[in-house]
C-alpha atoms as a PDB file:
ATOM      1  CA  MET A   1       4.459 -51.076 -27.698  1.00  0.00           C
ATOM      2  CA  LYS A   2       1.496 -48.188 -27.428  1.00  0.00           C
ATOM      3  CA  LYS A   3       1.312 -46.849 -24.048  1.00  0.00           C
ATOM      4  CA  VAL A   4      -2.106 -45.503 -22.722  1.00  0.00           C
ATOM      5  CA  PHE A   5      -2.068 -43.057 -19.908  1.00  0.00           C
ATOM      6  CA  LEU A   6      -5.626 -42.566 -18.017  1.00  0.00           C
ATOM      7  CA  SER A   7      -6.551 -39.556 -15.799  1.00  0.00           C
ATOM      8  CA  THR A   8      -8.022 -40.310 -12.412  1.00  0.00           C
ATOM      9  CA  MET A   9     -11.833 -39.695 -13.620  1.00  0.00           C
ATOM     10  CA  MET A  10     -11.130 -41.799 -16.633  1.00  0.00           C
ATOM     11  CA  LEU A  11      -9.821 -44.731 -14.455  1.00  0.00           C
ATOM     12  CA  ALA A  12     -13.157 -44.616 -12.477  1.00  0.00           C
ATOM     13  CA  VAL A  13     -15.155 -44.799 -15.122  1.00  0.00           C
ATOM     14  CA  VAL A  14     -13.612 -47.477 -16.700  1.00  0.00           C
ATOM     15  CA  MET A  15     -13.591 -49.554 -13.384  1.00  0.00           C
ATOM     16  CA  SER A  16     -17.346 -48.988 -13.063  1.00  0.00           C
ATOM     17  CA  GLY A  17     -17.733 -50.365 -16.566  1.00  0.00           C
ATOM     18  CA  LEU A  18     -15.636 -53.546 -15.622  1.00  0.00           C
ATOM     19  CA  LEU A  19     -17.833 -54.207 -12.622  1.00  0.00           C
ATOM     20  CA  ILE A  20     -20.999 -53.951 -14.668  1.00  0.00           C
ATOM     21  CA  THR A  21     -19.814 -55.912 -17.619  1.00  0.00           C
ATOM     22  CA  SER A  22     -17.590 -58.192 -15.788  1.00  0.00           C
ATOM     23  CA  CYS A  23     -19.722 -61.419 -16.639  1.00  0.00           C
ATOM     24  CA  LYS A  24     -19.514 -60.667 -20.691  1.00  0.00           C
ATOM     25  CA  LYS A  25     -16.933 -62.107 -22.537  1.00  0.00           C
ATOM     26  CA  GLU A  26     -14.787 -59.368 -23.722  1.00  0.00           C
ATOM     27  CA  LYS A  27     -13.627 -59.368 -27.362  1.00  0.00           C
ATOM     28  CA  ALA A  28      -9.826 -59.012 -27.960  1.00  0.00           C
ATOM     29  CA  VAL A  29      -8.740 -55.607 -29.223  1.00  0.00           C
ATOM     30  CA  GLU A  30      -6.022 -55.427 -31.848  1.00  0.00           C
ATOM     31  CA  PRO A  31      -3.232 -52.888 -31.175  1.00  0.00           C
ATOM     32  CA  GLU A  32      -3.258 -49.998 -33.694  1.00  0.00           C
ATOM     33  CA  PRO A  33      -0.228 -50.349 -35.928  1.00  0.00           C
ATOM     34  CA  THR A  34       2.720 -48.160 -35.700  1.00  0.00           C
ATOM     35  CA  VAL A  35       3.133 -45.513 -38.194  1.00  0.00           C
ATOM     36  CA  GLU A  36       6.365 -44.081 -38.969  1.00  0.00           C
ATOM     37  CA  ASP A  37       6.683 -40.409 -39.328  1.00  0.00           C
ATOM     38  CA  PRO A  38       7.736 -39.932 -42.857  1.00  0.00           C
ATOM     39  CA  ASN A  39       9.401 -36.532 -41.674  1.00  0.00           C
ATOM     40  CA  LYS A  40      11.362 -38.122 -38.976  1.00  0.00           C
ATOM     41  CA  PHE A  41      15.002 -37.221 -39.028  1.00  0.00           C
ATOM     42  CA  ASP A  42      17.164 -40.032 -40.322  1.00  0.00           C
ATOM     43  CA  PRO A  43      20.792 -39.745 -39.789  1.00  0.00           C
ATOM     44  CA  ASN A  44      21.418 -42.293 -42.101  1.00  0.00           C
ATOM     45  CA  SER A  45      19.715 -40.530 -45.062  1.00  0.00           C
ATOM     46  CA  TYR A  46      20.946 -37.732 -47.336  1.00  0.00           C
ATOM     47  CA  TYR A  47      20.503 -34.328 -45.141  1.00  0.00           C
ATOM     48  CA  PHE A  48      21.753 -31.002 -44.242  1.00  0.00           C
ATOM     49  CA  GLN A  49      21.321 -30.039 -40.740  1.00  0.00           C
ATOM     50  CA  GLY A  50      22.793 -27.157 -38.480  1.00  0.00           C
ATOM     51  CA  THR A  51      22.262 -24.020 -36.647  1.00  0.00           C
ATOM     52  CA  LEU A  52      21.716 -21.307 -39.280  1.00  0.00           C
ATOM     53  CA  ALA A  53      21.484 -17.628 -38.013  1.00  0.00           C
ATOM     54  CA  GLY A  54      20.492 -19.029 -34.491  1.00  0.00           C
ATOM     55  CA  THR A  55      17.558 -21.518 -35.724  1.00  0.00           C
ATOM     56  CA  VAL A  56      18.195 -25.109 -35.946  1.00  0.00           C
ATOM     57  CA  THR A  57      17.636 -25.999 -39.946  1.00  0.00           C
ATOM     58  CA  THR A  58      17.057 -29.446 -41.563  1.00  0.00           C
ATOM     59  CA  PHE A  59      16.901 -30.302 -45.146  1.00  0.00           C
ATOM     60  CA  GLN A  60      16.342 -34.002 -45.645  1.00  0.00           C
ATOM     61  CA  GLN A  61      16.032 -36.282 -48.646  1.00  0.00           C
ATOM     62  CA  SER A  62      12.329 -36.640 -50.038  1.00  0.00           C
ATOM     63  CA  VAL A  63      11.203 -34.552 -47.000  1.00  0.00           C
ATOM     64  CA  ASN A  64       9.504 -31.320 -47.921  1.00  0.00           C
ATOM     65  CA  GLY A  65      10.699 -31.316 -51.605  1.00  0.00           C
ATOM     66  CA  PHE A  66      14.192 -31.560 -50.711  1.00  0.00           C
ATOM     67  CA  TYR A  67      16.803 -34.047 -52.648  1.00  0.00           C
ATOM     68  CA  SER A  68      20.540 -34.340 -52.642  1.00  0.00           C
ATOM     69  CA  GLY A  69      22.898 -33.876 -55.562  1.00  0.00           C
ATOM     70  CA  GLY A  70      26.281 -33.762 -56.385  1.00  0.00           C
ATOM     71  CA  THR A  71      28.468 -30.811 -57.984  1.00  0.00           C
ATOM     72  CA  ASP A  72      31.011 -31.435 -60.529  1.00  0.00           C
ATOM     73  CA  SER A  73      33.050 -28.695 -62.428  1.00  0.00           C
ATOM     74  CA  GLY A  74      36.482 -27.269 -63.057  1.00  0.00           C
ATOM     75  CA  GLY A  75      38.425 -26.658 -65.852  1.00  0.00           C
ATOM     76  CA  SER A  76      41.844 -25.206 -67.448  1.00  0.00           C
ATOM     77  CA  GLY A  77      43.748 -22.702 -65.066  1.00  0.00           C
ATOM     78  CA  PRO A  78      46.708 -20.425 -65.887  1.00  0.00           C
ATOM     79  CA  GLY A  79      50.004 -22.337 -67.175  1.00  0.00           C
ATOM     80  CA  GLY A  80      48.233 -25.589 -68.094  1.00  0.00           C
ATOM     81  CA  SER A  81      46.993 -26.145 -64.506  1.00  0.00           C
ATOM     82  CA  TYR A  82      43.539 -27.547 -63.765  1.00  0.00           C
ATOM     83  CA  ILE A  83      41.145 -26.235 -61.237  1.00  0.00           C
ATOM     84  CA  ALA A  84      38.793 -29.103 -59.651  1.00  0.00           C
ATOM     85  CA  ASP A  85      35.382 -28.147 -58.100  1.00  0.00           C
ATOM     86  CA  GLN A  86      33.592 -30.924 -56.417  1.00  0.00           C
ATOM     87  CA  GLY A  87      30.842 -30.887 -54.000  1.00  0.00           C
ATOM     88  CA  SER A  88      27.632 -32.079 -52.631  1.00  0.00           C
ATOM     89  CA  VAL A  89      24.292 -29.968 -52.108  1.00  0.00           C
ATOM     90  CA  MET A  90      20.779 -30.377 -50.601  1.00  0.00           C
ATOM     91  CA  MET A  91      18.074 -28.577 -52.496  1.00  0.00           C
ATOM     92  CA  ASN A  92      14.411 -28.023 -53.372  1.00  0.00           C
ATOM     93  CA  PRO A  93      14.055 -27.656 -56.936  1.00  0.00           C
ATOM     94  CA  LEU A  94      10.569 -25.898 -56.812  1.00  0.00           C
ATOM     95  CA  THR A  95      11.736 -23.361 -54.134  1.00  0.00           C
ATOM     96  CA  LYS A  96      15.285 -23.026 -55.153  1.00  0.00           C
ATOM     97  CA  VAL A  97      16.372 -23.200 -51.520  1.00  0.00           C
ATOM     98  CA  GLN A  98      19.647 -25.152 -51.213  1.00  0.00           C
ATOM     99  CA  ILE A  99      22.847 -25.420 -49.379  1.00  0.00           C
ATOM    100  CA  GLY A 100      25.949 -26.948 -50.336  1.00  0.00           C
ATOM    101  CA  PHE A 101      29.825 -27.251 -50.125  1.00  0.00           C
ATOM    102  CA  GLU A 102      32.395 -27.468 -52.797  1.00  0.00           C
ATOM    103  CA  LEU A 103      35.973 -28.418 -52.470  1.00  0.00           C
ATOM    104  CA  ILE A 104      38.353 -26.510 -54.655  1.00  0.00           C
ATOM    105  CA  LYS A 105      41.804 -27.782 -55.702  1.00  0.00           C
ATOM    106  CA  LYS A 106      44.338 -26.635 -57.990  1.00  0.00           C
ATOM    107  CA  PHE A 107      46.316 -29.413 -60.026  1.00  0.00           C
ATOM    108  CA  ALA A 108      49.472 -28.829 -62.325  1.00  0.00           C
ATOM    109  CA  ALA A 109      47.681 -30.753 -64.980  1.00  0.00           C
ATOM    110  CA  GLU A 110      44.390 -32.355 -65.433  1.00  0.00           C
ATOM    111  CA  PRO A 111      43.710 -34.983 -62.441  1.00  0.00           C
ATOM    112  CA  THR A 112      43.221 -38.646 -62.501  1.00  0.00           C
ATOM    113  CA  ASN A 113      39.992 -39.972 -60.997  1.00  0.00           C
ATOM    114  CA  LEU A 114      41.955 -40.972 -57.919  1.00  0.00           C
ATOM    115  CA  GLU A 115      43.460 -37.592 -57.418  1.00  0.00           C
ATOM    116  CA  ILE A 116      39.977 -36.295 -57.599  1.00  0.00           C
ATOM    117  CA  TYR A 117      38.416 -38.896 -54.984  1.00  0.00           C
ATOM    118  CA  ASN A 118      41.544 -38.092 -52.838  1.00  0.00           C
ATOM    119  CA  MET A 119      40.047 -34.633 -52.302  1.00  0.00           C
ATOM    120  CA  PHE A 120      37.605 -36.127 -50.148  1.00  0.00           C
ATOM    121  CA  ILE A 121      39.730 -38.224 -47.668  1.00  0.00           C
ATOM    122  CA  VAL A 122      38.677 -37.832 -43.800  1.00  0.00           C
ATOM    123  CA  GLN A 123      40.352 -34.674 -42.902  1.00  0.00           C
ATOM    124  CA  SER A 124      40.169 -31.140 -41.854  1.00  0.00           C
ATOM    125  CA  GLN A 125      40.399 -28.374 -44.553  1.00  0.00           C
ATOM    126  CA  GLY A 126      40.567 -24.570 -44.514  1.00  0.00           C
ATOM    127  CA  TYR A 127      38.302 -22.220 -46.657  1.00  0.00           C
ATOM    128  CA  THR A 128      39.104 -21.196 -50.322  1.00  0.00           C
ATOM    129  CA  ASP A 129      38.817 -17.358 -51.489  1.00  0.00           C
ATOM    130  CA  LYS A 130      36.589 -15.649 -53.753  1.00  0.00           C
ATOM    131  CA  ASP A 131      38.845 -16.472 -56.650  1.00  0.00           C
ATOM    132  CA  HIS A 132      39.648 -20.098 -55.981  1.00  0.00           C
ATOM    133  CA  THR A 133      43.343 -19.458 -55.580  1.00  0.00           C
ATOM    134  CA  ILE A 134      43.534 -21.315 -52.178  1.00  0.00           C
ATOM    135  CA  ASN A 135      42.742 -24.905 -51.740  1.00  0.00           C
ATOM    136  CA  GLY A 136      39.900 -25.354 -49.562  1.00  0.00           C
ATOM    137  CA  ALA A 137      36.073 -25.613 -49.099  1.00  0.00           C
ATOM    138  CA  GLU A 138      33.412 -23.213 -50.185  1.00  0.00           C
ATOM    139  CA  VAL A 139      29.899 -23.319 -48.334  1.00  0.00           C
ATOM    140  CA  SER A 140      27.020 -21.556 -49.930  1.00  0.00           C
ATOM    141  CA  PHE A 141      23.229 -21.087 -49.371  1.00  0.00           C
ATOM    142  CA  VAL A 142      20.374 -19.829 -51.165  1.00  0.00           C
ATOM    143  CA  ASP A 143      17.554 -18.727 -49.061  1.00  0.00           C
ATOM    144  CA  GLU A 144      13.731 -18.503 -49.576  1.00  0.00           C
ATOM    145  CA  ALA A 145      14.067 -15.048 -51.061  1.00  0.00           C
ATOM    146  CA  GLY A 146      16.643 -16.029 -53.802  1.00  0.00           C
ATOM    147  CA  THR A 147      19.543 -14.389 -52.059  1.00  0.00           C
ATOM    148  CA  PHE A 148      22.974 -16.141 -52.570  1.00  0.00           C
ATOM    149  CA  TRP A 149      25.127 -16.473 -49.181  1.00  0.00           C
ATOM    150  CA  SER A 150      28.565 -17.873 -49.321  1.00  0.00           C
ATOM    151  CA  THR A 151      31.787 -18.229 -47.487  1.00  0.00           C
ATOM    152  CA  THR A 152      33.670 -16.273 -50.223  1.00  0.00           C
ATOM    153  CA  ASN A 153      31.388 -13.291 -50.688  1.00  0.00           C
ATOM    154  CA  GLY A 154      32.126 -10.075 -48.877  1.00  0.00           C
ATOM    155  CA  THR A 155      35.293 -10.157 -46.628  1.00  0.00           C
ATOM    156  CA  GLY A 156      35.445 -13.762 -46.763  1.00  0.00           C
ATOM    157  CA  SER A 157      36.748 -13.908 -43.273  1.00  0.00           C
ATOM    158  CA  GLN A 158      36.425 -17.471 -41.801  1.00  0.00           C
ATOM    159  CA  THR A 159      38.296 -16.744 -38.528  1.00  0.00           C
ATOM    160  CA  GLY A 160      37.545 -19.380 -36.321  1.00  0.00           C
ATOM    161  CA  SER A 161      35.755 -21.469 -38.706  1.00  0.00           C
ATOM    162  CA  THR A 162      36.045 -25.095 -39.221  1.00  0.00           C
ATOM    163  CA  PHE A 163      35.521 -27.723 -42.068  1.00  0.00           C
ATOM    164  CA  LYS A 164      36.056 -31.358 -42.302  1.00  0.00           C
ATOM    165  CA  ILE A 165      35.257 -34.279 -44.334  1.00  0.00           C
ATOM    166  CA  THR A 166      34.193 -37.063 -42.307  1.00  0.00           C
ATOM    167  CA  GLU A 167      32.928 -39.865 -44.687  1.00  0.00           C
ATOM    168  CA  CYS A 168      33.700 -40.773 -48.290  1.00  0.00           C
ATOM    169  CA  THR A 169      32.418 -44.017 -49.808  1.00  0.00           C
ATOM    170  CA  SER A 170      31.767 -45.572 -53.009  1.00  0.00           C
ATOM    171  CA  TYR A 171      28.584 -45.875 -54.582  1.00  0.00           C
ATOM    172  CA  THR A 172      27.351 -47.288 -57.759  1.00  0.00           C
ATOM    173  CA  SER A 173      23.641 -47.389 -57.428  1.00  0.00           C
ATOM    174  CA  GLN A 174      22.284 -44.194 -59.261  1.00  0.00           C
ATOM    175  CA  PHE A 175      24.221 -42.781 -61.983  1.00  0.00           C
ATOM    176  CA  PRO A 176      25.990 -40.136 -62.329  1.00  0.00           C
ATOM    177  CA  PHE A 177      26.883 -40.214 -58.437  1.00  0.00           C
ATOM    178  CA  ASN A 178      29.535 -42.541 -57.509  1.00  0.00           C
ATOM    179  CA  ALA A 179      30.282 -41.577 -53.860  1.00  0.00           C
ATOM    180  CA  ILE A 180      28.258 -40.699 -50.812  1.00  0.00           C
ATOM    181  CA  VAL A 181      30.361 -37.584 -48.889  1.00  0.00           C
ATOM    182  CA  LYS A 182      29.821 -36.254 -45.420  1.00  0.00           C
ATOM    183  CA  ALA A 183      31.170 -33.108 -43.881  1.00  0.00           C
ATOM    184  CA  GLU A 184      30.737 -31.197 -40.753  1.00  0.00           C
ATOM    185  CA  PHE A 185      31.339 -27.311 -40.739  1.00  0.00           C
ATOM    186  CA  SER A 186      31.059 -24.152 -39.006  1.00  0.00           C
ATOM    187  CA  CYS A 187      31.197 -21.091 -40.785  1.00  0.00           C
ATOM    188  CA  LYS A 188      30.259 -17.122 -41.725  1.00  0.00           C
ATOM    189  CA  LEU A 189      28.189 -16.877 -44.536  1.00  0.00           C
ATOM    190  CA  TYR A 190      27.900 -13.539 -46.470  1.00  0.00           C
ATOM    191  CA  ASP A 191      25.573 -11.938 -49.369  1.00  0.00           C
ATOM    192  CA  SER A 192      26.470  -9.401 -51.710  1.00  0.00           C
ATOM    193  CA  LYS A 193      25.501  -6.643 -49.661  1.00  0.00           C
ATOM    194  CA  GLY A 194      27.852  -7.509 -46.498  1.00  0.00           C
ATOM    195  CA  ASN A 195      25.395  -9.010 -44.393  1.00  0.00           C
ATOM    196  CA  THR A 196      26.501 -11.968 -42.639  1.00  0.00           C
ATOM    197  CA  LYS A 197      24.893 -15.149 -41.332  1.00  0.00           C
ATOM    198  CA  THR A 198      26.602 -17.618 -38.745  1.00  0.00           C
ATOM    199  CA  LEU A 199      26.281 -21.203 -39.513  1.00  0.00           C
ATOM    200  CA  THR A 200      27.436 -23.649 -36.468  1.00  0.00           C
ATOM    201  CA  ALA A 201      27.211 -27.387 -36.068  1.00  0.00           C
ATOM    202  CA  ALA A 202      26.547 -28.172 -39.531  1.00  0.00           C
ATOM    203  CA  THR A 203      26.537 -31.413 -41.118  1.00  0.00           C
ATOM    204  CA  LEU A 204      25.840 -32.521 -44.728  1.00  0.00           C
ATOM    205  CA  ARG A 205      25.704 -35.976 -45.981  1.00  0.00           C
ATOM    206  CA  GLY A 206      24.888 -36.657 -49.536  1.00  0.00           C
ATOM    207  CA  TYR A 207      25.768 -37.636 -53.155  1.00  0.00           C
ATOM    208  CA  GLY A 208      29.135 -37.004 -54.868  1.00  0.00           C
ATOM    209  CA  VAL A 209      30.219 -37.004 -58.282  1.00  0.00           C
ATOM    210  CA  ILE A 210      33.906 -37.456 -57.860  1.00  0.00           C
ATOM    211  CA  TYR A 211      35.760 -37.302 -61.251  1.00  0.00           C
ATOM    212  CA  PRO A 212      37.171 -34.516 -63.549  1.00  0.00           C
END
């Protein structure tokens, strides 16, 4: 219900008007329809939200040009092994700004769909290294200037950082996506020049493509 607040002076004017027109039949006034703000944050949508370099940053599906997508790559490793690389991203195709995460895992042979899906079970994980020799997560960010930031750039140090998958559900409404995944993380992002951005209290919920 819409609330109306009147100042003391405005209230006096309204009361005077009522005294003058009290004998007139008043017409009912229809309340103004409530209009939802299309940019209002919706935690049930697909989004990224976190404090990046001290600023709360939000990218939400279909708001300001951002859309969710899944990442799916991987291939043969040494000795017949297979390196799986699966994740989710929020990006603006026009500005190229994007942020996302990927899970890296080495298998002895090409994994089954179930083995890929199990990479996203609800659990905490560590961070991978630059050469993806360690199973774990990588978080990356491309800013407005086109600079690439990643947890694996520079020193790659993630002391005190955290990463946890908190949701993974099947999804069949929009090919090629077959899952909705959600992760919560805090980490350090590095560019190629050694500069650092701190990302805290971050959440990303988006599409996933979970098969090899």
